[in-house]
Every structure is written in C-alpha cells, then in structure tokens.
Protein backbone atom coordinates (compact mmCIF):
# COMPACT_ATOMS: atom_id res chain seq x y z
CA UNK A 1 36.06 14.29 -6.71
CA UNK A 2 32.31 14.90 -7.31
CA UNK A 3 30.70 17.90 -5.75
CA UNK A 4 27.73 17.49 -3.43
CA UNK A 5 25.60 19.89 -5.47
CA UNK A 6 25.25 17.55 -8.44
CA UNK A 7 21.76 16.18 -9.04
CA UNK A 8 21.14 12.47 -9.10
CA UNK A 9 19.32 11.26 -12.17
CA UNK A 10 16.50 8.80 -11.47
CA UNK A 11 15.72 6.51 -14.41
CA UNK A 12 12.18 6.99 -15.68
CA UNK A 13 9.86 4.77 -17.60
CA UNK A 14 8.03 5.88 -20.73
CA UNK A 15 5.15 7.37 -18.73
CA UNK A 16 7.39 9.72 -16.69
CA UNK A 17 7.13 7.83 -13.38
CA UNK A 18 10.46 6.98 -11.70
CA UNK A 19 11.25 3.25 -11.58
CA UNK A 20 11.22 2.85 -7.76
CA UNK A 21 7.78 4.46 -7.58
CA UNK A 22 6.53 2.30 -10.45
CA UNK A 23 7.69 -0.83 -8.60
CA UNK A 24 5.88 0.33 -5.47
CA UNK A 25 2.69 0.97 -7.46
CA UNK A 26 2.87 -2.51 -9.03
CA UNK A 27 3.31 -4.09 -5.59
CA UNK A 28 0.34 -2.16 -4.22
CA UNK A 29 -1.85 -3.18 -7.16
CA UNK A 30 -0.84 -6.81 -6.71
CA UNK A 31 -1.59 -6.73 -2.97
CA UNK A 32 -5.02 -5.16 -3.56
CA UNK A 33 -5.87 -7.74 -6.23
CA UNK A 34 -4.88 -10.54 -3.86
CA UNK A 35 -6.97 -9.06 -1.03
CA UNK A 36 -10.02 -8.68 -3.30
CA UNK A 37 -9.68 -12.30 -4.43
CA UNK A 38 -9.43 -13.46 -0.81
CA UNK A 39 -12.44 -11.29 0.06
CA UNK A 40 -14.52 -13.02 -2.63
CA UNK A 41 -13.46 -16.46 -1.42
CA UNK A 42 -13.92 -15.87 2.35
CA UNK A 43 -16.17 -12.86 3.04
CA UNK A 44 -16.99 -13.97 6.60
CA UNK A 45 -13.32 -13.97 7.62
CA UNK A 46 -12.74 -10.51 6.18
CA UNK A 47 -15.87 -9.20 7.93
CA UNK A 48 -14.70 -10.62 11.28
CA UNK A 49 -11.26 -9.04 10.88
CA UNK A 50 -12.81 -5.66 10.02
CA UNK A 51 -15.13 -5.91 13.04
CA UNK A 52 -12.24 -6.87 15.32
CA UNK A 53 -9.95 -4.10 14.13
CA UNK A 54 -12.79 -1.56 14.43
CA UNK A 55 -13.62 -2.78 17.94
CA UNK A 56 -10.02 -2.50 19.14
CA UNK A 57 -9.51 0.92 17.55
CA UNK A 58 -12.80 2.21 18.97
CA UNK A 59 -11.92 0.87 22.40
CA UNK A 60 -8.41 2.32 22.41
CA UNK A 61 -9.23 5.71 20.84
CA UNK A 62 -12.38 6.39 22.90
CA UNK A 63 -13.69 9.35 20.86
CA UNK A 64 -15.83 10.74 23.73
C-alpha cells in the first residue's frame, strides 16, 4: 500500500516546464494567433464587440 506522503512526479519537457502547463501555453498561443488573424480580417466586428463588452461592463459596474 502506498503512503499518502509520497510525491507525484510530473513529467517535464526539456525546458523544465511540466507537460500539462506546456499544453495550456500552446493552446493559449494558438487562440491568440487565431484572434489576431480574425482581427486583421474583420477589424470592424472586433471593434463593435469591444465597444459592446465595455458598454455592458461600464453599465453594470457603475464606478461612481
């Protein structure tokens, strides 16, 4: 029976980053690249979304 005090070993890549974190970083990079490409193709849509999100947040948060 294994004791509960044993450490779990997380596999690491050559650069010292654990594999699950590396996968998360790759996914984030891919999502940002996709968003930047979409932004270049349709800047007016991205601007309208940013305006809409800012409007709703400003309305709901009411900083004054």
